[in-house]
Amino acid sequence: MSIWKYANPKLFLQTSERVLPALWGLAFACLAIGLVWGFFLTPDAERFQSTVKIIYLHVPSALMAINAWIMMLVASVIWIVRRHHVSALAARAAAPVGAVMTLIALVTGAIWGQPMWGTWWAWDPRLTSFLILFLFYLGYIALWEAIDNPDTAADLTGVLCLVGSVFALLSRYAVNFWNQGLHQGASLSLDEKENVHDVFYFPLLVCIAGFVLLFIALVLYRTGTEIRARRIKALMARERAGA
């Protein structure tokens, strides 16, 4: 069966309702295991002491902040090309989740940066691009709310998503593009010299899995809510027209 069959709102709702309970359970299980393992069962790092444990929130949220925008980009392109309403509503549903992930990454980064760098904020390339990405999230959400016609809103937010993708990529690769800046390289890397030690690496992977599953569950849930809200508006408009 083609994946495009899930563009049917009814089938999408039926499928999401079946898989959501398992997704919620797996997400919370991974988060509970990963966070308890990471915060309470791992040692302090030689250079960073106990502050290293912020990575169990900071790294997964930063990864999801970027990947959420990429998911919105894919959904927006599908809308622009194929005009599937579910994809447009999925992009809309993902935006607040991505914005919260970006905010968590910014706040946890500031909490870590203050003792490590001596400042809560620095105009580092990666930090700055993340801040701009957060503003794009807010602009995307505001644009959806400002336009009454949902198709027009989907078109304009799709264009905004394309522009914002530049900053999503900059957020991911800023350290590679510019040598200057306080932010360290990637915590997850194929380079063994840059990668975190195994004692931190494995609980971090569990936390990342938890964040990914939580993001998917929230987007499916919110997309279902958006579909139902759209149906209610259509029914109310039909009743007003009949009256």
Protein backbone atom coordinates (compact mmCIF):
# COMPACT_ATOMS: atom_id res chain seq x y z
CA MET A 1 0.00 0.00 0.00
CA SER A 2 1.23 3.51 -0.78
CA ILE A 3 2.23 5.85 2.03
CA TRP A 4 -0.01 8.45 0.42
CA LYS A 5 -3.06 6.58 1.68
CA TYR A 6 -2.42 8.24 5.06
CA ALA A 7 -3.25 11.57 3.42
CA ASN A 8 -6.82 10.44 4.04
CA PRO A 9 -7.71 12.15 7.35
CA LYS A 10 -9.95 9.31 8.52
CA LEU A 11 -7.29 6.66 7.95
CA PHE A 12 -4.65 8.88 9.54
CA LEU A 13 -6.78 9.28 12.68
CA GLN A 14 -7.51 5.56 12.88
CA THR A 15 -3.83 4.66 12.51
CA SER A 16 -2.54 7.27 14.95
CA GLU A 17 -5.09 6.21 17.57
CA ARG A 18 -3.79 2.64 17.31
CA VAL A 19 -0.09 3.47 17.61
CA LEU A 20 -0.22 6.36 20.09
CA PRO A 21 -0.57 4.27 23.28
CA ALA A 22 2.57 2.29 22.41
CA LEU A 23 4.44 5.46 21.45
CA TRP A 24 3.56 7.22 24.72
CA GLY A 25 4.64 4.17 26.71
CA LEU A 26 7.95 3.73 24.87
CA ALA A 27 8.70 7.46 25.02
CA PHE A 28 8.19 7.77 28.77
CA ALA A 29 10.02 4.50 29.43
CA CYS A 30 13.07 5.65 27.45
CA LEU A 31 13.03 9.09 29.08
CA ALA A 32 12.71 7.63 32.58
CA ILE A 33 15.47 5.07 32.03
CA GLY A 34 17.78 7.47 30.20
CA LEU A 35 17.43 10.38 32.63
CA VAL A 36 17.74 8.26 35.78
CA TRP A 37 20.70 6.40 34.27
CA GLY A 38 22.37 9.58 33.11
CA PHE A 39 21.79 11.83 36.13
CA PHE A 40 22.19 9.31 38.95
CA LEU A 41 24.19 6.33 37.69
CA THR A 42 27.05 7.97 35.76
CA PRO A 43 30.17 9.55 37.26
CA ASP A 44 31.22 13.18 37.03
CA ALA A 45 33.39 14.05 34.04
CA GLU A 46 37.06 14.88 34.56
CA ARG A 47 36.86 18.31 32.87
CA PHE A 48 33.24 19.29 33.39
CA GLN A 49 32.44 17.61 36.73
CA SER A 50 28.67 17.16 37.31
CA THR A 51 27.75 19.80 34.72
CA VAL A 52 28.32 17.17 32.00
CA LYS A 53 24.95 15.66 32.91
CA ILE A 54 23.12 18.55 31.28
CA ILE A 55 23.80 16.75 27.98
CA TYR A 56 20.94 14.33 28.71
CA LEU A 57 18.52 17.22 28.19
CA HIS A 58 20.54 19.61 26.04
CA VAL A 59 21.74 17.29 23.27
CA PRO A 60 18.42 15.48 22.61
CA SER A 61 16.43 18.73 22.66
CA ALA A 62 18.92 20.43 20.32
CA LEU A 63 18.77 17.51 17.90
CA MET A 64 14.98 17.52 17.93
CA ALA A 65 14.83 21.31 17.51
CA ILE A 66 16.65 20.98 14.19
CA ASN A 67 15.00 17.77 13.04
CA ALA A 68 11.53 19.06 13.89
CA TRP A 69 12.08 21.93 11.46
CA ILE A 70 13.33 19.49 8.82
CA MET A 71 10.19 17.40 9.35
CA MET A 72 8.11 20.58 8.91
CA LEU A 73 10.04 21.34 5.72
CA VAL A 74 9.29 17.90 4.26
CA ALA A 75 5.62 18.16 5.21
CA SER A 76 5.41 21.68 3.73
CA VAL A 77 6.99 20.54 0.45
CA ILE A 78 4.48 17.67 0.27
CA TRP A 79 1.68 20.19 0.75
CA ILE A 80 3.03 22.53 -1.92
CA VAL A 81 3.56 19.71 -4.43
CA ARG A 82 0.67 17.33 -3.72
CA ARG A 83 -1.80 19.51 -1.75
CA HIS A 84 -2.38 16.92 0.98
CA HIS A 85 -4.04 18.70 3.89
CA VAL A 86 -2.79 16.22 6.48
CA SER A 87 0.83 17.11 5.65
CA ALA A 88 0.12 20.83 6.11
CA LEU A 89 -1.61 20.15 9.42
CA ALA A 90 1.27 17.92 10.53
CA ALA A 91 3.72 20.74 9.86
CA ARG A 92 1.53 23.10 11.86
CA ALA A 93 1.24 20.57 14.68
CA ALA A 94 5.03 20.09 14.87
CA ALA A 95 5.85 23.80 15.17
CA PRO A 96 5.00 24.33 18.88
CA VAL A 97 6.75 21.09 19.78
CA GLY A 98 9.87 22.17 17.87
CA ALA A 99 9.72 25.60 19.48
CA VAL A 100 9.66 24.06 22.97
CA MET A 101 12.58 21.78 22.06
CA THR A 102 14.55 24.80 20.83
CA LEU A 103 13.75 26.72 24.02
CA ILE A 104 14.89 23.78 26.17
CA ALA A 105 18.15 23.64 24.19
CA LEU A 106 18.72 27.37 24.65
CA VAL A 107 17.94 27.34 28.38
CA THR A 108 19.98 24.22 29.18
CA GLY A 109 22.83 25.60 27.08
CA ALA A 110 22.77 28.80 29.14
CA ILE A 111 22.72 26.82 32.39
CA TRP A 112 25.77 24.86 31.23
CA GLY A 113 27.52 27.88 29.75
CA GLN A 114 27.46 30.01 32.88
CA PRO A 115 29.86 27.85 34.95
CA MET A 116 31.87 26.69 31.93
CA TRP A 117 32.23 29.98 30.01
CA GLY A 118 31.53 32.44 32.79
CA THR A 119 28.50 33.87 30.98
CA TRP A 120 24.88 32.89 30.40
CA TRP A 121 25.01 33.94 26.76
CA ALA A 122 27.61 34.56 24.05
CA TRP A 123 27.08 35.51 20.43
CA ASP A 124 28.60 32.21 19.37
CA PRO A 125 27.69 31.07 15.81
CA ARG A 126 25.72 28.05 16.96
CA LEU A 127 23.97 29.85 19.82
CA THR A 128 23.02 32.74 17.56
CA SER A 129 21.69 30.49 14.80
CA PHE A 130 19.66 28.57 17.39
CA LEU A 131 18.16 31.81 18.67
CA ILE A 132 17.22 32.79 15.12
CA LEU A 133 15.72 29.33 14.57
CA PHE A 134 13.59 29.84 17.69
CA LEU A 135 12.36 33.17 16.29
CA PHE A 136 11.48 31.42 13.02
CA TYR A 137 9.41 28.92 15.01
CA LEU A 138 7.54 31.77 16.68
CA GLY A 139 7.03 33.51 13.33
CA TYR A 140 5.75 30.29 11.76
CA ILE A 141 3.21 29.77 14.54
CA ALA A 142 2.12 33.41 14.42
CA LEU A 143 1.67 33.30 10.63
CA TRP A 144 -0.65 30.29 10.89
CA GLU A 145 -2.74 32.12 13.49
CA ALA A 146 -2.85 35.39 11.53
CA ILE A 147 -4.38 34.02 8.31
CA ASP A 148 -7.98 32.84 8.25
CA ASN A 149 -7.82 30.84 5.01
CA PRO A 150 -6.05 27.56 5.94
CA ASP A 151 -4.80 26.86 2.40
CA THR A 152 -3.27 30.34 2.10
CA ALA A 153 -1.75 29.94 5.57
CA ALA A 154 -0.25 26.58 4.56
CA ASP A 155 1.23 28.11 1.40
CA LEU A 156 2.84 31.08 3.18
CA THR A 157 4.12 29.06 6.13
CA GLY A 158 5.56 26.57 3.65
CA VAL A 159 7.61 29.35 2.08
CA LEU A 160 8.69 30.53 5.54
CA CYS A 161 9.72 26.97 6.37
CA LEU A 162 11.93 26.85 3.28
CA VAL A 163 13.70 30.06 4.34
CA GLY A 164 14.04 28.92 7.95
CA SER A 165 15.67 25.68 6.85
CA VAL A 166 18.85 27.65 6.17
CA PHE A 167 19.11 28.42 9.88
CA ALA A 168 18.24 24.85 10.82
CA LEU A 169 21.29 23.74 8.82
CA LEU A 170 23.43 26.53 10.27
CA SER A 171 22.40 25.44 13.77
CA ARG A 172 23.60 21.92 13.01
CA TYR A 173 26.87 22.77 11.27
CA ALA A 174 27.81 26.19 12.67
CA VAL A 175 30.79 24.80 14.56
CA ASN A 176 32.09 23.26 11.34
CA PHE A 177 31.56 26.45 9.29
CA TRP A 178 33.28 28.78 11.77
CA ASN A 179 36.27 27.89 13.90
CA GLN A 180 35.67 30.77 16.27
CA GLY A 181 33.09 30.51 19.02
CA LEU A 182 32.80 29.00 22.48
CA HIS A 183 30.56 26.08 21.64
CA GLN A 184 32.27 22.72 21.50
CA GLY A 185 31.98 20.23 18.66
CA ALA A 186 29.34 17.54 18.40
CA SER A 187 28.89 15.26 21.42
CA LEU A 188 27.90 12.43 19.08
CA SER A 189 30.56 11.96 16.44
CA LEU A 190 32.25 9.27 14.40
CA ASP A 191 35.51 10.79 15.59
CA GLU A 192 36.44 8.96 18.80
CA LYS A 193 38.42 11.98 20.04
CA GLU A 194 35.30 14.20 19.96
CA ASN A 195 32.70 11.63 20.96
CA VAL A 196 31.64 11.42 24.61
CA HIS A 197 32.89 8.48 26.65
CA ASP A 198 30.82 5.27 26.54
CA VAL A 199 29.70 5.74 30.16
CA PHE A 200 27.85 8.89 29.05
CA TYR A 201 27.20 7.79 25.46
CA PHE A 202 24.77 4.92 26.06
CA PRO A 203 22.37 6.70 28.45
CA LEU A 204 22.51 9.66 26.06
CA LEU A 205 21.32 7.40 23.22
CA VAL A 206 18.41 6.22 25.38
CA CYS A 207 17.48 9.86 26.13
CA ILE A 208 17.64 10.74 22.44
CA ALA A 209 15.37 7.79 21.64
CA GLY A 210 12.95 9.05 24.28
CA PHE A 211 12.91 12.57 22.82
CA VAL A 212 12.39 11.22 19.29
CA LEU A 213 9.49 8.99 20.36
CA LEU A 214 7.97 11.81 22.42
CA PHE A 215 8.20 14.16 19.43
CA ILE A 216 6.50 11.63 17.13
CA ALA A 217 3.74 10.98 19.68
CA LEU A 218 3.11 14.70 20.24
CA VAL A 219 3.01 15.44 16.51
CA LEU A 220 0.59 12.57 15.81
CA TYR A 221 -1.62 13.65 18.69
CA ARG A 222 -1.58 17.32 17.71
CA THR A 223 -2.16 16.51 14.03
CA GLY A 224 -5.25 14.56 15.01
CA THR A 225 -6.40 17.57 17.04
CA GLU A 226 -5.83 19.87 14.05
CA ILE A 227 -7.83 17.54 11.76
CA ARG A 228 -10.75 17.48 14.18
CA ALA A 229 -10.62 21.27 14.63
CA ARG A 230 -10.70 21.72 10.85
CA ARG A 231 -13.73 19.42 10.59
CA ILE A 232 -15.56 21.35 13.30
CA LYS A 233 -14.89 24.66 11.50
CA ALA A 234 -16.15 23.17 8.23
CA LEU A 235 -19.35 21.90 9.91
CA MET A 236 -19.95 25.26 11.60
CA ALA A 237 -19.43 27.09 8.29
CA ARG A 238 -21.88 24.69 6.60
CA GLU A 239 -24.48 25.31 9.29
CA ARG A 240 -24.10 29.08 9.00
CA ALA A 241 -24.44 28.83 5.21
CA GLY A 242 -27.59 26.68 5.60
CA ALA A 243 -29.09 29.11 8.05
